[in-house]
Amino acid sequence: MAQRKAIRGAAEARRLLDALFRAGLAAADPAERVPPALPKPPKGRTIVVGAGKASAAMAKAVEDHWPGPLSGLVVTRYGYGVKCRHVEIVEAGHPVPDSAGRAAAQRMLAMVQGLTADDLVLCLTSGGGSALLTLPAPGLTLRDKQAVNRALLKSGAAIGEMNCVRKHLSAIKGGRLGAAAAPARVVTLVISDVPGDDPAVIASGPTVPDPTTAADAWAILDRRGIAVPAAVRRFLKSGTGETPKPGDPHVANSEIRLIARPQDMLEAAARAAREHGLTPLILGDALEGEAREVGIVHAGIARSVARHGHPVAPPAVLLSGGETTVTVRGKGRGGRNSEFLLSLAIALGGAPGICALACDSDGIDGSEDNAGAVVTPDSLERAAAQRLDAQLLLADNDAYRFFEALGDLVVTGPTRTNVNDFRAILIGEQRPRS
């Protein structure tokens, strides 16, 4: 470990937090993660398909290292495309699906049909694929799926719940794309953005057998009190169009290769922290719950480190990942990372020597233009000087306004990867009381 050193001021703390975040992103770079995971070329054709915020960068990495001919199509979020020579890149709507995503999914499904056992389908999936790869099940419309998606986003549903519903309203997700490719070999390279790294949940598992049922999807909607279009209700209640299940022979020739995880991001940040003379403590890579409640818990741990040196002695950094949720009750702006930080700042109450960064690794916190934000010990004081009431803004789900006014938003632009949320709380050595 590098020599322990004092952290001098908020400016140095910001630089350290940014360095840790950048180290975490580098650990999930498709250019580094894809090549070692590529399968051998087949005797027949190679078709590349996929969806997600990292899918275009993954396709570029495939092209740069593939020894033979290939073709295909992947769909990514607007602004996340990269130039490829042989794989077509389509940009579409996220988090609410649009007609561009629907058209791409329809073409993709047709592209993998009629293949032989000598052919290979290389599927590239990452977070965001559920919304981007949208093809309504028979009898449903894009408008039906958009309505359900918007309601799920506001409900506070966990990602596993959301994707269970999405799979059962789809003609391509939940293993259906993989089943359509039979008898070709299917190899799926996955960058995980979900707690637990379950391939059946990531991008709603288009090539992965689905253990959940339509009844499970309906129970989630009912439990969350989500009103759905009549066609959606009829479809789920009918039990028709169930997803391929584990053991289904149509997905028997499918292999999943997990190439990047939230834990990889956190471990890379921890290594960078040690190089900067900090003691890292990874609290977990799969934390879930309401963002504001998770913020309160993190503040309590940070205070314990600062006051008692437990569970780690400062200078230290607390690292965590996962995917929190926000139950939207207000009319403000701000994603889950901004809401986490505003709650954290309120709970810390300006505690000296504690700074924090929380960002979504894809570069977009919810639907705003920032990846996240930064909190410093004087955040509340500076906000009060601008007559901003932190409590009222939190109640209105308006964390974006708080951090925008302070100039403390973190804007990265598209990172072209996605291993979920990154949270780092930096605790400097406390000066002895006089």
Protein backbone atom coordinates (compact mmCIF):
# COMPACT_ATOMS: atom_id res chain seq x y z
CA MET A 1 0.00 0.00 0.00
CA ALA A 2 1.13 3.56 -0.67
CA GLN A 3 1.96 5.72 2.30
CA ARG A 4 -1.08 6.99 4.19
CA LYS A 5 -1.55 10.69 3.68
CA ALA A 6 -3.89 13.43 4.79
CA ILE A 7 -6.51 14.64 2.34
CA ARG A 8 -6.16 18.40 2.05
CA GLY A 9 -9.47 19.98 1.23
CA ALA A 10 -12.51 19.29 -0.90
CA ALA A 11 -10.68 19.89 -4.18
CA GLU A 12 -8.23 17.05 -3.51
CA ALA A 13 -11.08 14.84 -2.31
CA ARG A 14 -12.95 15.45 -5.58
CA ARG A 15 -9.88 14.50 -7.59
CA LEU A 16 -9.48 11.29 -5.61
CA LEU A 17 -13.14 10.35 -5.99
CA ASP A 18 -12.99 10.99 -9.72
CA ALA A 19 -9.84 8.86 -10.02
CA LEU A 20 -11.56 5.96 -8.25
CA PHE A 21 -14.61 6.24 -10.51
CA ARG A 22 -12.43 6.30 -13.63
CA ALA A 23 -10.53 3.24 -12.42
CA GLY A 24 -13.82 1.43 -11.95
CA LEU A 25 -15.02 2.33 -15.44
CA ALA A 26 -11.74 1.14 -16.98
CA ALA A 27 -12.31 -2.29 -15.43
CA ALA A 28 -15.55 -2.63 -17.40
CA ASP A 29 -14.27 -1.35 -20.76
CA PRO A 30 -15.60 -3.61 -23.55
CA ALA A 31 -12.35 -3.12 -25.50
CA GLU A 32 -10.56 -4.97 -22.69
CA ARG A 33 -13.24 -7.42 -21.62
CA VAL A 34 -14.58 -8.75 -24.91
CA PRO A 35 -11.48 -10.14 -26.73
CA PRO A 36 -10.48 -12.80 -24.13
CA ALA A 37 -14.05 -14.13 -24.08
CA LEU A 38 -14.56 -14.62 -27.82
CA PRO A 39 -15.35 -18.18 -29.00
CA LYS A 40 -13.65 -19.88 -31.91
CA PRO A 41 -15.10 -19.07 -35.34
CA PRO A 42 -17.65 -21.61 -36.61
CA LYS A 43 -17.64 -23.64 -39.80
CA GLY A 44 -20.63 -21.65 -41.01
CA ARG A 45 -21.80 -18.06 -40.61
CA THR A 46 -21.24 -15.70 -37.67
CA ILE A 47 -24.16 -13.44 -36.84
CA VAL A 48 -23.66 -10.73 -34.21
CA VAL A 49 -26.73 -9.41 -32.38
CA GLY A 50 -27.26 -7.64 -29.11
CA ALA A 51 -28.70 -4.80 -27.09
CA GLY A 52 -27.63 -2.49 -24.30
CA LYS A 53 -25.69 0.67 -23.53
CA ALA A 54 -22.40 -1.20 -23.99
CA SER A 55 -23.46 -3.25 -27.02
CA ALA A 56 -22.04 -0.97 -29.72
CA ALA A 57 -18.64 -0.80 -28.01
CA MET A 58 -18.79 -4.57 -27.57
CA ALA A 59 -19.51 -5.00 -31.29
CA LYS A 60 -16.51 -2.82 -32.14
CA ALA A 61 -14.31 -4.98 -29.89
CA VAL A 62 -15.59 -8.11 -31.64
CA GLU A 63 -14.83 -6.67 -35.08
CA ASP A 64 -11.33 -5.62 -34.03
CA HIS A 65 -10.45 -9.16 -32.94
CA TRP A 66 -12.58 -11.52 -35.07
CA PRO A 67 -10.50 -13.55 -37.56
CA GLY A 68 -13.24 -14.28 -40.09
CA PRO A 69 -16.31 -12.80 -41.78
CA LEU A 70 -19.29 -11.66 -39.72
CA SER A 71 -22.41 -9.55 -39.98
CA GLY A 72 -25.21 -8.49 -37.71
CA LEU A 73 -27.05 -5.76 -35.84
CA VAL A 74 -27.02 -4.40 -32.31
CA VAL A 75 -29.17 -1.70 -30.73
CA THR A 76 -27.93 0.85 -28.22
CA ARG A 77 -29.12 4.06 -26.61
CA TYR A 78 -29.14 7.31 -28.55
CA GLY A 79 -25.65 8.79 -28.39
CA TYR A 80 -23.98 5.49 -27.46
CA GLY A 81 -23.20 4.25 -30.95
CA VAL A 82 -19.72 3.69 -32.34
CA LYS A 83 -18.60 3.18 -35.93
CA CYS A 84 -18.43 -0.45 -37.00
CA ARG A 85 -17.56 -1.95 -40.39
CA HIS A 86 -19.69 -5.08 -40.53
CA VAL A 87 -22.18 -4.89 -37.64
CA GLU A 88 -24.97 -2.37 -38.06
CA ILE A 89 -25.46 -0.10 -35.06
CA VAL A 90 -28.98 1.15 -34.40
CA GLU A 91 -29.71 3.79 -31.75
CA ALA A 92 -33.06 3.76 -29.95
CA GLY A 93 -34.98 5.06 -26.94
CA HIS A 94 -34.10 4.40 -23.31
CA PRO A 95 -35.49 4.10 -20.64
CA VAL A 96 -38.83 4.29 -22.46
CA PRO A 97 -38.78 2.17 -25.65
CA ASP A 98 -39.54 3.67 -29.04
CA SER A 99 -40.28 2.64 -32.63
CA ALA A 100 -36.59 2.53 -33.57
CA GLY A 101 -35.99 -0.13 -30.94
CA ARG A 102 -39.04 -2.08 -32.06
CA ALA A 103 -37.93 -2.06 -35.71
CA ALA A 104 -34.40 -3.16 -34.77
CA ALA A 105 -35.71 -6.00 -32.59
CA GLN A 106 -37.96 -7.21 -35.39
CA ARG A 107 -35.06 -7.29 -37.84
CA MET A 108 -32.81 -8.98 -35.29
CA LEU A 109 -35.32 -11.76 -34.66
CA ALA A 110 -35.62 -12.40 -38.40
CA MET A 111 -31.83 -12.34 -38.81
CA VAL A 112 -31.23 -15.36 -36.55
CA GLN A 113 -33.87 -17.60 -38.10
CA GLY A 114 -33.07 -20.26 -40.68
CA LEU A 115 -29.56 -20.93 -39.39
CA THR A 116 -27.86 -24.31 -39.13
CA ALA A 117 -25.90 -26.16 -36.47
CA ASP A 118 -22.69 -24.99 -38.19
CA ASP A 119 -23.56 -21.33 -37.60
CA LEU A 120 -22.78 -19.12 -34.60
CA VAL A 121 -24.91 -16.39 -33.08
CA LEU A 122 -22.78 -14.10 -30.94
CA CYS A 123 -25.11 -12.12 -28.69
CA LEU A 124 -23.81 -9.01 -26.89
CA THR A 125 -25.95 -7.89 -23.97
CA SER A 126 -25.60 -5.27 -21.29
CA GLY A 127 -27.74 -3.07 -19.09
CA GLY A 128 -30.37 -1.07 -20.92
CA GLY A 129 -31.14 -3.91 -23.30
CA SER A 130 -34.62 -4.46 -21.88
CA ALA A 131 -35.90 -1.09 -23.06
CA LEU A 132 -33.83 -1.01 -26.24
CA LEU A 133 -34.80 -4.49 -27.45
CA THR A 134 -38.54 -3.98 -27.54
CA LEU A 135 -40.83 -6.15 -29.63
CA PRO A 136 -44.37 -6.40 -28.25
CA ALA A 137 -45.88 -9.87 -27.91
CA PRO A 138 -48.72 -10.70 -30.32
CA GLY A 139 -51.81 -8.68 -29.46
CA LEU A 140 -49.85 -5.91 -27.71
CA THR A 141 -48.68 -2.56 -29.06
CA LEU A 142 -45.66 -0.36 -28.53
CA ARG A 143 -47.93 2.08 -26.73
CA ASP A 144 -48.96 -0.70 -24.31
CA LYS A 145 -45.32 -1.44 -23.50
CA GLN A 146 -44.45 2.24 -23.13
CA ALA A 147 -47.28 2.73 -20.63
CA VAL A 148 -46.19 -0.24 -18.51
CA ASN A 149 -42.55 0.80 -18.69
CA ARG A 150 -43.25 4.34 -17.49
CA ALA A 151 -45.35 3.04 -14.61
CA LEU A 152 -42.67 0.56 -13.56
CA LEU A 153 -40.00 3.28 -13.59
CA LYS A 154 -42.04 5.41 -11.19
CA SER A 155 -43.15 2.57 -8.94
CA GLY A 156 -39.89 1.84 -7.12
CA ALA A 157 -39.83 -1.70 -8.52
CA ALA A 158 -36.49 -3.51 -8.35
CA ILE A 159 -34.76 -4.31 -11.63
CA GLY A 160 -35.58 -8.03 -11.34
CA GLU A 161 -39.27 -7.21 -10.98
CA MET A 162 -39.21 -4.81 -13.90
CA ASN A 163 -37.52 -7.28 -16.19
CA CYS A 164 -39.83 -10.13 -15.21
CA VAL A 165 -42.74 -8.02 -16.47
CA ARG A 166 -40.87 -6.87 -19.58
CA LYS A 167 -40.00 -10.45 -20.57
CA HIS A 168 -43.59 -11.56 -20.44
CA LEU A 169 -44.80 -8.76 -22.68
CA SER A 170 -42.11 -9.40 -25.30
CA ALA A 171 -41.70 -11.45 -28.45
CA ILE A 172 -37.89 -11.44 -28.23
CA LYS A 173 -36.75 -11.28 -24.58
CA GLY A 174 -36.79 -14.02 -21.94
CA GLY A 175 -34.97 -16.58 -24.10
CA ARG A 176 -37.05 -16.06 -27.22
CA LEU A 177 -34.18 -14.69 -29.32
CA GLY A 178 -32.07 -17.72 -28.39
CA ALA A 179 -34.88 -20.13 -29.21
CA ALA A 180 -35.37 -18.49 -32.62
CA ALA A 181 -31.68 -19.10 -33.44
CA ALA A 182 -31.85 -22.90 -32.93
CA PRO A 183 -30.16 -25.12 -34.00
CA ALA A 184 -27.26 -22.64 -34.30
CA ARG A 185 -24.79 -22.35 -31.46
CA VAL A 186 -25.49 -19.25 -29.35
CA VAL A 187 -22.75 -17.63 -27.27
CA THR A 188 -23.79 -14.61 -25.22
CA LEU A 189 -21.23 -12.17 -23.83
CA VAL A 190 -22.75 -10.34 -20.88
CA ILE A 191 -21.79 -7.17 -19.02
CA SER A 192 -23.81 -7.26 -15.81
CA ASP A 193 -25.67 -4.27 -14.41
CA VAL A 194 -27.93 -6.13 -11.98
CA PRO A 195 -27.52 -7.17 -8.34
CA GLY A 196 -26.56 -10.83 -8.29
CA ASP A 197 -25.38 -10.90 -11.94
CA ASP A 198 -28.21 -13.21 -13.05
CA PRO A 199 -27.97 -13.52 -16.88
CA ALA A 200 -31.72 -14.14 -17.04
CA VAL A 201 -32.28 -10.64 -15.63
CA ILE A 202 -29.57 -8.68 -17.48
CA ALA A 203 -31.26 -7.04 -20.49
CA SER A 204 -34.17 -9.41 -19.74
CA GLY A 205 -32.08 -12.36 -20.98
CA PRO A 206 -32.97 -12.53 -24.69
CA THR A 207 -30.98 -15.77 -25.09
CA VAL A 208 -31.39 -17.11 -21.54
CA PRO A 209 -34.12 -19.53 -20.38
CA ASP A 210 -36.57 -17.77 -18.10
CA PRO A 211 -37.56 -19.36 -14.76
CA THR A 212 -40.30 -16.78 -14.09
CA THR A 213 -43.88 -16.98 -15.31
CA ALA A 214 -46.63 -14.74 -16.61
CA ALA A 215 -48.34 -15.22 -13.25
CA ASP A 216 -45.22 -13.83 -11.55
CA ALA A 217 -45.34 -10.79 -13.82
CA TRP A 218 -48.99 -10.14 -13.03
CA ALA A 219 -48.35 -10.51 -9.30
CA ILE A 220 -45.64 -7.82 -9.50
CA LEU A 221 -47.96 -5.39 -11.27
CA ASP A 222 -50.70 -6.12 -8.76
CA ARG A 223 -48.40 -5.76 -5.75
CA ARG A 224 -47.06 -2.44 -7.03
CA GLY A 225 -50.55 -1.16 -7.74
CA ILE A 226 -49.76 -0.51 -11.40
CA ALA A 227 -52.75 0.04 -13.66
CA VAL A 228 -52.10 -1.52 -17.07
CA PRO A 229 -53.84 -1.38 -20.45
CA ALA A 230 -56.63 -3.90 -20.87
CA ALA A 231 -54.67 -5.77 -23.56
CA VAL A 232 -51.77 -6.30 -21.14
CA ARG A 233 -54.08 -7.63 -18.46
CA ARG A 234 -55.74 -10.06 -20.88
CA PHE A 235 -52.41 -11.26 -22.23
CA LEU A 236 -50.85 -12.01 -18.85
CA LYS A 237 -54.02 -13.57 -17.46
CA SER A 238 -54.42 -15.84 -20.50
CA GLY A 239 -51.16 -17.68 -19.86
CA THR A 240 -50.40 -17.78 -23.59
CA GLY A 241 -47.00 -16.93 -24.99
CA GLU A 242 -45.01 -18.17 -21.97
CA THR A 243 -41.22 -17.76 -22.15
CA PRO A 244 -38.84 -20.69 -22.83
CA LYS A 245 -37.98 -22.37 -19.52
CA PRO A 246 -34.77 -24.04 -18.29
CA GLY A 247 -34.50 -27.42 -20.00
CA ASP A 248 -36.25 -26.24 -23.18
CA PRO A 249 -34.43 -27.97 -26.09
CA HIS A 250 -34.69 -24.82 -28.21
CA VAL A 251 -32.19 -23.06 -25.93
CA ALA A 252 -30.04 -26.10 -25.12
CA ASN A 253 -27.20 -24.96 -27.40
CA SER A 254 -26.77 -21.64 -25.62
CA GLU A 255 -23.71 -20.58 -23.59
CA ILE A 256 -23.43 -17.54 -21.32
CA ARG A 257 -20.09 -15.82 -20.65
CA LEU A 258 -20.16 -13.10 -17.98
CA ILE A 259 -17.32 -10.76 -18.91
CA ALA A 260 -17.73 -7.78 -16.53
CA ARG A 261 -19.52 -7.31 -13.21
CA PRO A 262 -20.17 -4.55 -10.68
CA GLN A 263 -17.73 -6.32 -8.34
CA ASP A 264 -14.96 -5.92 -10.93
CA MET A 265 -15.56 -2.17 -10.94
CA LEU A 266 -15.42 -1.96 -7.14
CA GLU A 267 -12.29 -4.09 -6.87
CA ALA A 268 -10.54 -1.90 -9.44
CA ALA A 269 -11.52 1.20 -7.46
CA ALA A 270 -10.25 -0.45 -4.28
CA ARG A 271 -6.86 -1.08 -5.91
CA ALA A 272 -6.70 2.55 -7.00
CA ALA A 273 -7.60 3.65 -3.47
CA ARG A 274 -4.70 1.71 -2.01
CA GLU A 275 -2.35 3.32 -4.53
CA HIS A 276 -3.51 6.70 -3.20
CA GLY A 277 -2.85 5.73 0.41
CA LEU A 278 -6.48 5.06 1.31
CA THR A 279 -7.94 2.00 3.01
CA PRO A 280 -10.87 0.74 0.92
CA LEU A 281 -13.88 -1.10 2.29
CA ILE A 282 -16.31 -2.64 -0.20
CA LEU A 283 -19.74 -2.67 1.42
CA GLY A 284 -21.27 -4.78 -1.34
CA ASP A 285 -21.86 -4.92 -5.09
CA ALA A 286 -25.59 -5.71 -4.94
CA LEU A 287 -27.16 -3.14 -2.63
CA GLU A 288 -30.82 -2.40 -3.29
CA GLY A 289 -33.60 -0.41 -1.66
CA GLU A 290 -34.93 3.13 -1.74
CA ALA A 291 -32.08 5.49 -2.65
CA ARG A 292 -32.81 7.88 0.21
CA GLU A 293 -32.84 5.07 2.78
CA VAL A 294 -29.58 3.64 1.44
CA GLY A 295 -28.12 7.15 1.75
CA ILE A 296 -29.02 7.29 5.44
CA VAL A 297 -27.39 3.90 6.10
CA HIS A 298 -24.20 4.90 4.28
CA ALA A 299 -24.05 8.13 6.27
CA GLY A 300 -24.21 6.16 9.51
CA ILE A 301 -21.31 3.96 8.48
CA ALA A 302 -19.26 6.97 7.36
CA ARG A 303 -19.83 8.67 10.71
CA SER A 304 -18.68 5.55 12.53
CA VAL A 305 -15.48 5.47 10.49
CA ALA A 306 -14.84 9.16 11.17
CA ARG A 307 -15.57 9.05 14.93
CA HIS A 308 -14.47 5.59 15.98
CA GLY A 309 -12.29 4.15 13.21
CA HIS A 310 -14.76 1.32 12.72
CA PRO A 311 -15.24 -0.74 10.65
CA VAL A 312 -12.13 0.77 9.07
CA ALA A 313 -9.72 3.50 10.10
CA PRO A 314 -9.43 6.71 8.08
CA PRO A 315 -8.20 7.86 5.67
CA ALA A 316 -10.55 5.42 4.03
CA VAL A 317 -13.10 5.07 1.28
CA LEU A 318 -16.37 3.17 1.44
CA LEU A 319 -17.28 1.60 -1.91
CA SER A 320 -20.59 0.10 -2.95
CA GLY A 321 -22.55 -0.87 -6.03
CA GLY A 322 -25.91 -2.28 -6.95
CA GLU A 323 -29.10 -0.57 -8.02
CA THR A 324 -31.23 1.48 -5.70
CA THR A 325 -34.76 2.56 -6.57
CA VAL A 326 -36.75 5.76 -6.35
CA THR A 327 -40.48 5.76 -5.76
CA VAL A 328 -41.44 8.97 -7.53
CA ARG A 329 -43.93 11.02 -5.55
CA GLY A 330 -42.72 14.53 -6.42
CA LYS A 331 -42.38 16.47 -9.64
CA GLY A 332 -38.65 17.22 -9.57
CA ARG A 333 -35.72 15.94 -11.59
CA GLY A 334 -32.98 13.59 -10.57
CA GLY A 335 -31.96 9.96 -10.76
CA ARG A 336 -31.30 7.44 -8.03
CA ASN A 337 -27.64 8.43 -7.50
CA SER A 338 -28.48 12.11 -7.07
CA GLU A 339 -31.27 11.21 -4.66
CA PHE A 340 -28.93 8.92 -2.71
CA LEU A 341 -26.40 11.75 -2.39
CA LEU A 342 -28.92 14.37 -1.30
CA SER A 343 -30.19 12.02 1.40
CA LEU A 344 -26.58 11.26 2.39
CA ALA A 345 -25.75 14.97 2.65
CA ILE A 346 -28.76 15.63 4.87
CA ALA A 347 -27.91 12.68 7.12
CA LEU A 348 -24.25 13.74 7.40
CA GLY A 349 -25.28 17.28 8.29
CA GLY A 350 -22.00 18.79 7.13
CA ALA A 351 -19.78 16.33 9.04
CA PRO A 352 -16.17 17.45 8.49
CA GLY A 353 -13.77 15.45 6.36
CA ILE A 354 -16.42 13.39 4.53
CA CYS A 355 -16.94 13.71 0.77
CA ALA A 356 -18.83 11.40 -1.57
CA LEU A 357 -19.46 10.63 -5.22
CA ALA A 358 -22.29 8.53 -6.65
CA CYS A 359 -22.66 7.92 -10.37
CA ASP A 360 -24.25 5.50 -12.77
CA SER A 361 -21.47 3.76 -14.67
CA ASP A 362 -23.32 4.23 -17.97
CA GLY A 363 -23.01 8.01 -17.67
CA ILE A 364 -26.71 8.72 -17.21
CA ASP A 365 -28.38 9.01 -13.80
CA GLY A 366 -31.98 8.10 -14.59
CA SER A 367 -33.04 10.20 -17.57
CA GLU A 368 -30.95 13.31 -16.93
CA ASP A 369 -27.70 14.45 -18.57
CA ASN A 370 -25.46 13.74 -15.59
CA ALA A 371 -23.88 10.53 -14.39
CA GLY A 372 -24.36 11.58 -10.78
CA ALA A 373 -22.95 14.19 -8.40
CA VAL A 374 -20.54 14.98 -5.58
CA VAL A 375 -21.17 15.89 -1.92
CA THR A 376 -18.71 17.88 0.20
CA PRO A 377 -18.92 18.92 3.87
CA ASP A 378 -20.17 22.38 2.88
CA SER A 379 -22.86 21.22 0.41
CA LEU A 380 -25.76 22.05 2.73
CA GLU A 381 -24.22 25.39 3.71
CA ARG A 382 -23.71 26.44 0.10
CA ALA A 383 -27.26 25.35 -0.76
CA ALA A 384 -28.71 27.36 2.13
CA ALA A 385 -26.84 30.42 0.87
CA GLN A 386 -28.83 30.02 -2.35
CA ARG A 387 -32.07 29.57 -0.40
CA LEU A 388 -32.34 25.94 -1.38
CA ASP A 389 -34.13 23.72 1.14
CA ALA A 390 -32.52 20.28 0.91
CA GLN A 391 -35.37 18.53 2.73
CA LEU A 392 -38.04 20.02 0.46
CA LEU A 393 -36.06 19.18 -2.66
CA LEU A 394 -35.63 15.58 -1.50
CA ALA A 395 -39.36 15.31 -0.80
CA ASP A 396 -40.02 16.53 -4.37
CA ASN A 397 -37.51 14.08 -5.92
CA ASP A 398 -35.60 17.16 -7.09
CA ALA A 399 -31.99 16.27 -6.31
CA TYR A 400 -30.86 17.38 -9.77
CA ARG A 401 -31.82 20.98 -9.00
CA PHE A 402 -29.85 20.87 -5.74
CA PHE A 403 -26.58 19.69 -7.31
CA GLU A 404 -26.99 21.73 -10.48
CA ALA A 405 -27.25 24.92 -8.42
CA LEU A 406 -24.06 24.01 -6.55
CA GLY A 407 -22.15 23.11 -9.71
CA ASP A 408 -21.64 19.63 -8.29
CA LEU A 409 -23.14 17.46 -11.03
CA VAL A 410 -20.80 14.88 -12.57
CA VAL A 411 -21.16 14.85 -16.35
CA THR A 412 -19.20 12.18 -18.22
CA GLY A 413 -21.14 11.77 -21.44
CA PRO A 414 -21.70 8.22 -22.75
CA THR A 415 -19.27 5.77 -21.13
CA ARG A 416 -20.41 2.91 -23.41
CA THR A 417 -20.35 0.43 -20.58
CA ASN A 418 -22.77 -0.36 -17.77
CA VAL A 419 -21.96 -2.14 -14.51
CA ASN A 420 -24.55 -0.25 -12.50
CA ASP A 421 -24.12 2.31 -9.74
CA PHE A 422 -20.80 3.38 -8.27
CA ARG A 423 -20.73 4.96 -4.81
CA ALA A 424 -17.60 6.15 -3.01
CA ILE A 425 -17.53 7.92 0.36
CA LEU A 426 -14.15 9.35 1.28
CA ILE A 427 -13.38 9.85 4.99
CA GLY A 428 -10.23 11.81 5.82
CA GLU A 429 -8.33 11.57 9.08
CA GLN A 430 -10.06 13.69 11.69
CA ARG A 431 -8.19 16.41 13.51
CA PRO A 432 -8.01 15.84 17.27
CA ARG A 433 -10.41 17.93 19.31
CA SER A 434 -8.84 20.83 21.17
